[in-house]
Protein backbone atom coordinates (compact mmCIF):
# COMPACT_ATOMS: atom_id res chain seq x y z
CA MET A 1 243.34 93.02 -65.06
CA PRO A 2 243.36 89.98 -62.74
CA LEU A 3 239.94 88.37 -62.38
CA PRO A 4 239.57 89.05 -58.60
CA LEU A 5 240.18 92.74 -59.22
CA LEU A 6 237.63 92.81 -62.03
CA VAL A 7 235.01 91.18 -59.82
CA LEU A 8 235.72 93.64 -57.00
CA LEU A 9 235.47 96.56 -59.41
CA LEU A 10 232.11 95.36 -60.74
CA LEU A 11 230.81 95.02 -57.19
CA LEU A 12 231.92 98.51 -56.21
CA LEU A 13 230.72 100.43 -59.26
CA PRO A 14 227.00 100.47 -58.29
CA LEU A 15 227.98 101.64 -54.80
CA ALA A 16 230.16 104.41 -56.19
CA ALA A 17 227.35 105.60 -58.45
CA ARG A 18 224.79 105.77 -55.63
CA ALA A 19 223.84 109.32 -54.63
CA GLU A 20 221.72 108.57 -51.55
CA PRO A 21 222.63 106.88 -48.25
CA MET A 22 221.59 103.27 -47.78
CA PHE A 23 220.87 101.33 -44.60
CA GLY A 24 220.81 97.80 -43.31
CA ALA A 25 217.82 96.94 -41.10
CA THR A 26 217.83 95.14 -37.75
CA PHE A 27 214.41 94.31 -36.33
CA LEU A 28 214.10 94.75 -32.57
CA PRO A 29 211.79 92.69 -30.32
CA THR A 30 208.04 92.75 -30.97
CA ASN A 31 205.59 94.45 -28.59
CA PHE A 32 207.97 97.38 -28.29
CA GLN A 33 208.00 100.98 -29.48
CA ALA A 34 211.32 102.77 -29.89
CA LEU A 35 211.52 106.44 -28.93
CA ALA A 36 215.21 107.40 -28.84
CA ILE A 37 218.79 106.33 -29.58
CA ASP A 38 222.10 107.53 -28.11
CA GLU A 39 225.60 107.81 -29.55
CA ALA A 40 226.48 104.24 -28.55
CA GLY A 41 223.44 102.82 -30.36
CA ARG A 42 221.38 102.16 -27.23
CA VAL A 43 217.65 102.31 -28.01
CA ALA A 44 215.05 103.39 -25.43
CA GLY A 45 211.28 103.28 -25.44
CA ARG A 46 208.26 101.42 -24.14
CA GLY A 47 207.32 97.76 -24.23
CA MET A 48 205.77 94.81 -22.44
CA THR A 49 207.42 92.61 -19.85
CA PRO A 50 207.04 88.81 -20.08
CA GLU A 51 204.30 89.20 -17.44
CA GLY A 52 202.38 91.59 -19.71
CA ASP A 53 203.12 94.81 -17.82
CA ALA A 54 204.01 98.07 -19.55
CA ALA A 55 207.62 99.01 -18.89
CA ALA A 56 210.41 101.32 -20.02
CA PHE A 57 213.30 99.55 -21.72
CA VAL A 58 216.82 100.03 -23.04
CA TRP A 59 217.99 97.75 -25.85
CA THR A 60 221.50 97.09 -27.10
CA ALA A 61 222.80 94.54 -29.59
CA ALA A 62 223.84 92.41 -26.62
CA SER A 63 220.91 92.79 -24.22
CA LEU A 64 217.40 94.01 -23.48
CA GLY A 65 216.71 95.47 -20.04
CA PHE A 66 213.63 96.90 -18.33
CA LEU A 67 214.29 99.97 -16.20
CA PRO A 68 213.51 99.81 -12.48
CA PRO A 69 211.12 102.32 -10.87
CA PRO A 70 212.35 104.81 -8.27
CA ALA A 71 210.20 103.03 -5.65
CA PRO A 72 209.15 99.37 -5.36
CA ALA A 73 205.45 100.29 -5.34
CA GLY A 74 205.52 101.75 -8.85
CA ASN A 75 206.67 100.80 -12.31
CA THR A 76 208.34 102.60 -15.18
CA VAL A 77 206.12 102.81 -18.26
CA VAL A 78 208.15 104.67 -20.88
CA ALA A 79 211.69 105.88 -21.57
CA ASN A 80 211.33 108.92 -23.83
CA ALA A 81 215.02 109.82 -24.12
CA ILE A 82 218.52 108.42 -23.70
CA GLU A 83 221.93 110.09 -23.75
CA ASN A 84 225.21 108.35 -22.91
CA GLY A 85 223.25 105.57 -21.21
CA VAL A 86 221.23 108.03 -19.07
CA ALA A 87 217.49 107.63 -19.72
CA ALA A 88 214.40 109.62 -18.75
CA GLY A 89 210.69 109.03 -18.97
CA ALA A 90 207.62 108.40 -16.83
CA TRP A 91 206.62 105.99 -14.09
CA THR A 92 203.38 105.39 -12.21
CA LEU A 93 202.92 105.75 -8.47
CA GLY A 94 199.56 105.40 -6.72
CA GLY A 95 197.57 106.14 -9.87
CA GLY A 96 199.63 109.21 -10.78
CA THR A 97 202.40 109.72 -13.29
CA ARG A 98 205.83 111.01 -12.35
CA GLY A 99 209.03 111.66 -14.23
CA PHE A 100 212.21 109.66 -13.67
CA VAL A 101 215.88 109.72 -14.60
CA TYR A 102 217.77 106.43 -14.90
CA SER A 103 221.55 106.17 -14.53
CA GLY A 104 223.97 103.52 -13.35
CA GLY A 105 221.32 100.92 -12.60
CA THR A 106 218.99 103.09 -10.51
CA SER A 107 216.10 105.48 -11.20
CA GLN A 108 215.41 108.80 -9.51
CA ASP A 109 212.02 110.48 -9.22
CA THR A 110 212.02 114.01 -10.68
CA GLY A 111 209.25 115.12 -8.36
CA THR A 112 206.50 117.48 -9.55
CA LEU A 113 206.14 121.24 -9.87
CA TYR A 114 202.68 121.63 -8.35
CA GLY A 115 201.60 118.09 -7.42
CA GLY A 116 200.16 117.14 -10.82
CA ASP A 117 201.13 114.43 -13.28
CA THR A 118 204.67 114.80 -14.59
CA VAL A 119 206.55 113.34 -17.59
CA ALA A 120 210.23 113.68 -18.48
CA TRP A 121 210.74 113.97 -22.24
CA GLY A 122 214.43 114.79 -22.64
CA VAL A 123 217.71 114.17 -20.84
CA ASN A 124 221.40 114.98 -21.22
CA ALA A 125 224.53 113.07 -20.25
CA ALA A 126 224.74 114.90 -16.90
CA GLY A 127 221.31 113.61 -15.86
CA GLN A 128 219.50 116.92 -16.30
CA ALA A 129 215.96 116.22 -17.50
CA VAL A 130 213.18 118.32 -18.98
CA GLY A 131 209.50 117.74 -19.51
CA GLU A 132 206.10 118.91 -18.37
CA SER A 133 204.20 118.93 -15.09
CA LEU A 134 200.55 119.90 -14.62
CA ASP A 135 199.68 122.95 -12.52
CA PRO A 136 196.50 123.16 -10.39
CA ALA A 137 194.53 124.49 -13.37
CA GLY A 138 195.57 121.52 -15.48
CA ASN A 139 198.01 123.47 -17.64
CA PRO A 140 201.29 121.78 -18.57
CA ARG A 141 204.34 123.69 -17.36
CA ALA A 142 207.87 123.14 -18.66
CA PHE A 143 210.39 121.99 -16.06
CA LEU A 144 214.10 121.47 -15.63
CA TYR A 145 215.22 118.72 -13.26
CA SER A 146 218.81 119.26 -12.16
CA GLY A 147 220.84 118.41 -9.09
CA GLY A 148 217.91 116.63 -7.45
CA GLY A 149 215.54 119.60 -7.75
CA ILE A 150 212.79 120.57 -10.20
CA ALA A 151 212.06 124.11 -11.43
CA ASP A 152 209.48 125.81 -13.67
CA ILE A 153 211.28 127.53 -16.58
CA GLY A 154 208.34 129.81 -17.46
CA THR A 155 206.44 130.43 -20.70
CA LEU A 156 206.46 132.72 -23.74
CA GLY A 157 203.79 134.82 -22.05
CA GLY A 158 200.86 132.42 -22.09
CA SER A 159 199.62 129.93 -19.51
CA TYR A 160 201.43 126.76 -20.61
CA ALA A 161 204.72 125.39 -21.84
CA GLN A 162 206.14 121.94 -22.59
CA ALA A 163 209.87 121.13 -22.72
CA ARG A 164 210.98 118.32 -25.03
CA ASP A 165 214.78 118.17 -25.16
CA ILE A 166 217.96 119.44 -23.51
CA ASN A 167 221.53 119.31 -24.83
CA ASN A 168 224.71 118.86 -22.83
CA GLY A 169 225.13 122.63 -22.62
CA GLY A 170 221.78 122.98 -20.84
CA VAL A 171 219.91 124.46 -23.83
CA ILE A 172 216.22 123.47 -23.71
CA VAL A 173 213.61 123.40 -26.47
CA GLY A 174 209.88 122.80 -26.63
CA GLY A 175 206.64 124.69 -27.20
CA SER A 176 204.75 127.35 -25.27
CA GLN A 177 201.63 129.44 -25.59
CA PRO A 178 202.81 132.88 -26.72
CA GLY A 179 201.74 136.18 -25.21
CA PRO A 180 198.97 138.63 -26.15
CA ALA A 181 200.61 139.49 -29.49
CA PHE A 182 199.43 136.09 -30.79
CA PRO A 183 195.95 135.71 -29.25
CA ASP A 184 194.70 133.06 -31.69
CA ASP A 185 197.85 130.96 -31.95
CA GLY A 186 198.65 127.65 -30.33
CA SER A 187 202.12 126.77 -29.13
CA HIS A 188 205.20 128.44 -30.55
CA ALA A 189 208.53 126.63 -30.62
CA PHE A 190 211.00 127.99 -28.10
CA ILE A 191 214.66 127.78 -27.20
CA TYR A 192 215.67 128.39 -23.60
CA ARG A 193 219.24 129.30 -22.70
CA ASP A 194 220.83 131.24 -19.85
CA GLY A 195 217.44 131.71 -18.18
CA VAL A 196 215.78 133.29 -21.23
CA MET A 197 213.02 131.68 -23.32
CA THR A 198 212.99 132.84 -26.95
CA ASP A 199 210.19 132.38 -29.50
CA LEU A 200 211.49 130.69 -32.68
CA GLY A 201 208.44 131.73 -34.69
CA THR A 202 206.54 129.57 -37.20
CA LEU A 203 206.55 128.67 -40.89
CA GLY A 204 203.75 131.18 -41.45
CA GLY A 205 200.94 129.46 -39.57
CA GLY A 206 199.60 129.69 -36.04
CA PHE A 207 201.53 126.82 -34.44
CA SER A 208 205.04 125.46 -34.07
CA PHE A 209 206.78 123.07 -31.70
CA ALA A 210 210.42 122.10 -31.14
CA ASN A 211 211.22 118.44 -30.45
CA ALA A 212 215.02 118.24 -30.45
CA VAL A 213 218.22 120.26 -30.08
CA ASN A 214 221.83 119.28 -30.83
CA GLU A 215 225.07 120.50 -29.26
CA ALA A 216 225.42 123.27 -31.86
CA GLY A 217 222.02 124.68 -30.91
CA GLN A 218 220.27 123.56 -34.09
CA VAL A 219 216.61 122.75 -33.44
CA ALA A 220 214.19 120.38 -35.18
CA GLY A 221 210.41 120.41 -34.92
CA TYR A 222 207.27 121.10 -36.91
CA SER A 223 204.98 124.00 -37.73
CA LEU A 224 201.81 124.99 -39.51
CA THR A 225 202.49 126.64 -42.85
CA ALA A 226 200.90 129.87 -44.08
CA GLY A 227 197.13 129.70 -43.98
CA ASP A 228 197.36 126.76 -41.54
CA VAL A 229 197.02 124.38 -44.50
CA ALA A 230 199.64 121.79 -43.48
CA PHE A 231 202.18 120.82 -40.86
CA HIS A 232 205.78 120.76 -42.13
CA PRO A 233 209.01 119.80 -40.36
CA PHE A 234 211.57 122.51 -39.76
CA LEU A 235 215.24 122.89 -38.97
CA TYR A 236 216.23 126.01 -37.04
CA SER A 237 219.85 126.91 -37.70
CA GLY A 238 221.76 130.17 -37.69
CA GLY A 239 218.69 132.17 -36.71
CA THR A 240 216.61 130.85 -39.63
CA LEU A 241 213.60 128.50 -39.60
CA LEU A 242 213.93 126.25 -42.66
CA ASP A 243 210.89 124.43 -44.08
CA LEU A 244 211.99 120.85 -44.85
CA GLY A 245 209.01 120.12 -47.09
CA SER A 246 206.72 117.08 -47.18
CA PHE A 247 205.77 113.97 -49.14
CA GLY A 248 202.61 115.64 -50.39
CA GLY A 249 200.38 114.96 -47.38
CA ASP A 250 199.14 117.52 -44.87
CA TYR A 251 201.20 116.35 -41.86
CA ALA A 252 204.93 116.01 -41.34
CA GLU A 253 206.97 116.29 -38.15
CA ALA A 254 210.67 116.28 -37.31
CA ARG A 255 211.40 114.17 -34.25
CA ALA A 256 215.19 114.21 -33.85
CA LEU A 257 218.50 115.41 -35.31
CA ASN A 258 222.19 114.67 -34.91
CA GLU A 259 225.30 116.81 -34.67
CA ALA A 260 225.62 116.97 -38.47
CA GLY A 261 222.17 118.54 -38.74
CA MET A 262 220.59 115.40 -40.24
CA VAL A 263 216.90 115.30 -39.29
CA VAL A 264 214.47 112.38 -39.00
CA GLY A 265 210.73 112.18 -38.52
CA LEU A 266 207.51 111.22 -40.26
CA ALA A 267 205.43 112.52 -43.14
CA SER A 268 201.99 111.61 -44.46
CA LEU A 269 201.29 110.80 -48.10
CA PRO A 270 198.53 112.13 -50.35
CA GLY A 271 195.39 110.07 -49.90
CA GLY A 272 196.17 108.86 -46.38
CA GLY A 273 197.43 105.44 -45.34
CA PHE A 274 200.59 104.88 -43.31
CA SER A 275 202.86 107.85 -42.74
CA HIS A 276 206.44 107.27 -43.95
CA ALA A 277 209.62 107.77 -41.95
CA PHE A 278 211.95 110.37 -43.44
CA LEU A 279 215.57 111.44 -43.36
CA TYR A 280 216.52 115.02 -44.23
CA ALA A 281 220.13 115.26 -45.39
CA ASP A 282 222.04 117.38 -47.91
CA GLY A 283 218.97 119.48 -48.62
CA GLN A 284 216.74 116.51 -49.48
CA LEU A 285 213.73 114.98 -47.73
CA LEU A 286 214.19 111.24 -48.31
CA ASP A 287 211.76 108.39 -47.70
CA LEU A 288 213.61 105.90 -45.48
CA ASN A 289 211.57 103.05 -46.93
CA THR A 290 213.42 103.51 -50.22
CA LEU A 291 216.84 103.52 -48.55
CA VAL A 292 216.87 100.04 -46.99
CA GLU A 293 219.04 97.50 -48.79
CA GLY A 294 216.89 94.71 -50.13
CA GLY A 295 213.69 96.57 -49.24
CA LEU A 296 211.20 95.72 -46.51
CA GLY A 297 208.48 93.92 -48.44
CA ASP A 298 205.04 94.85 -47.12
CA PHE A 299 206.56 96.36 -43.96
CA VAL A 300 206.44 100.18 -43.80
CA LEU A 301 208.66 102.38 -41.65
CA THR A 302 206.05 104.82 -40.37
CA GLU A 303 208.16 107.09 -38.16
CA ALA A 304 211.83 107.72 -37.44
CA VAL A 305 212.35 108.83 -33.86
CA GLY A 306 216.12 109.08 -33.33
CA ILE A 307 219.45 109.48 -35.11
CA ASN A 308 222.98 109.48 -33.70
CA GLY A 309 226.34 110.78 -34.85
CA ALA A 310 227.20 107.51 -36.60
CA GLY A 311 224.09 107.91 -38.74
CA GLN A 312 222.20 105.07 -37.04
CA ILE A 313 218.47 105.69 -37.11
CA VAL A 314 215.81 104.07 -34.97
CA ALA A 315 212.32 103.87 -36.44
CA ASN A 316 208.99 102.13 -35.94
CA GLY A 317 206.94 100.39 -38.58
CA CYS A 318 204.04 98.08 -39.33
CA ASN A 319 202.60 95.88 -42.05
CA ASP A 320 199.01 95.58 -43.24
CA PHE A 321 198.39 92.69 -40.83
CA GLY A 322 199.05 94.86 -37.76
CA PHE A 323 202.51 93.50 -37.04
CA CYS A 324 204.48 96.45 -35.63
CA VAL A 325 208.09 96.49 -34.45
CA PRO A 326 211.01 98.92 -33.97
CA VAL A 327 213.82 98.84 -36.53
CA LEU A 328 217.44 99.92 -36.18
CA LEU A 329 218.86 101.27 -39.45
CA SER A 330 222.64 101.22 -39.79
CA PRO A 331 224.44 102.96 -42.67
CA VAL A 332 226.17 100.85 -45.29
CA PRO A 333 229.28 102.23 -47.04
CA GLU A 334 228.75 105.63 -48.57
CA PRO A 335 229.76 106.52 -52.15
CA ALA A 336 232.81 108.38 -50.87
CA GLN A 337 234.02 105.25 -49.12
CA ALA A 338 233.51 103.24 -52.29
CA LEU A 339 235.49 105.79 -54.29
CA LEU A 340 238.35 105.47 -51.80
CA LEU A 341 238.27 101.73 -52.33
CA LEU A 342 238.31 102.23 -56.08
CA ALA A 343 241.23 104.63 -55.78
CA GLY A 344 243.16 101.93 -53.95
CA LEU A 345 242.64 99.29 -56.64
CA PRO A 346 245.85 100.10 -58.59
CA LEU A 347 247.89 99.66 -55.41
CA LEU A 348 246.02 96.45 -54.63
CA GLY A 349 246.74 95.24 -58.16
CA ARG A 350 250.45 95.90 -57.80
CA ARG A 351 250.55 94.09 -54.46
CA LEU A 352 248.82 91.06 -55.99
CA LEU A 353 251.28 91.07 -58.88
CA VAL A 354 254.28 91.21 -56.51
CA HIS A 355 252.77 88.43 -54.43
CA ARG A 356 252.35 86.22 -57.51
CA LEU A 357 255.93 86.90 -58.68
CA ARG A 358 257.28 85.93 -55.27
CA ARG A 359 255.27 82.72 -55.30
CA ALA A 360 256.59 81.90 -58.79
CA ILE A 361 260.22 82.53 -57.73
CA HIS A 362 259.71 80.40 -54.62
CA ARG A 363 258.37 77.50 -56.72
CA GLU A 364 261.40 77.69 -58.99
């Protein structure tokens, strides 16, 4: 076998043998916290302007931009969601908090349901936003902002509800106080479609909450387990609430999922310390800190907050010295890709041989 082919084969064999996905890490600017990523790899969240003011931002590989407020007197403070370049979050105005939707260079105020503080948590590509707005009694109420208007979408029978995400089909998820059948429970995860809010149940405990929904209607969130002994992440799919497990600690939460049903979030470890960011894929709960090529030294990915269809994950992390920064994780070639490369080696070898023969004939 020609030497270049042998070298290439030796380089590819470890990749072909790898069973878990691996990622390259790109560190984003400091003094920022990432909260979401869209299909194009845009990252949204909160950060500090050069003047030291809190501001919502959108980052791409080519630029970093702070989002404008809907009115000159206010300022955007956080972008909680982004989809196809459309972002949503919260801005301040006269001491109060309002929701906003950003698209095409401008921001629109979502308004409020009952005059109280309002935050937008989720958005879709059409600019529909969901979130929560306080009623006169101080209870959060789930809202849908669409077509310039804001509407209360109701509850599961209790006095409060909070919406967290909306897909491009208008399906909304979040958590709501259930009705009298569950008098001692906290929120239950819900899915809202076609004007009907449905309780997704729990993993056996008295609490659950949905954080994300994909276009297929799969839902990711977290729930107390039986006996209320621990919080575990869940994936709701096909009418079933699946417990995704934990890293041995008593708290784990799913924050986001993509169209393939891959879930990301955070999980605590036994004995405390930093939580660790996780990826749930192919039936396994994986510690993202072990999946970064070259490792991260003393830096720990503490939470993963977004994942897109390309498998890019945005996470936040810190080291023991208090240095914290967002990190974009991008997949490196998967084992299947390596096997395809290996399968093409015989053809590559033949082409190299033909090339060498032609060069020899030409020299003669």
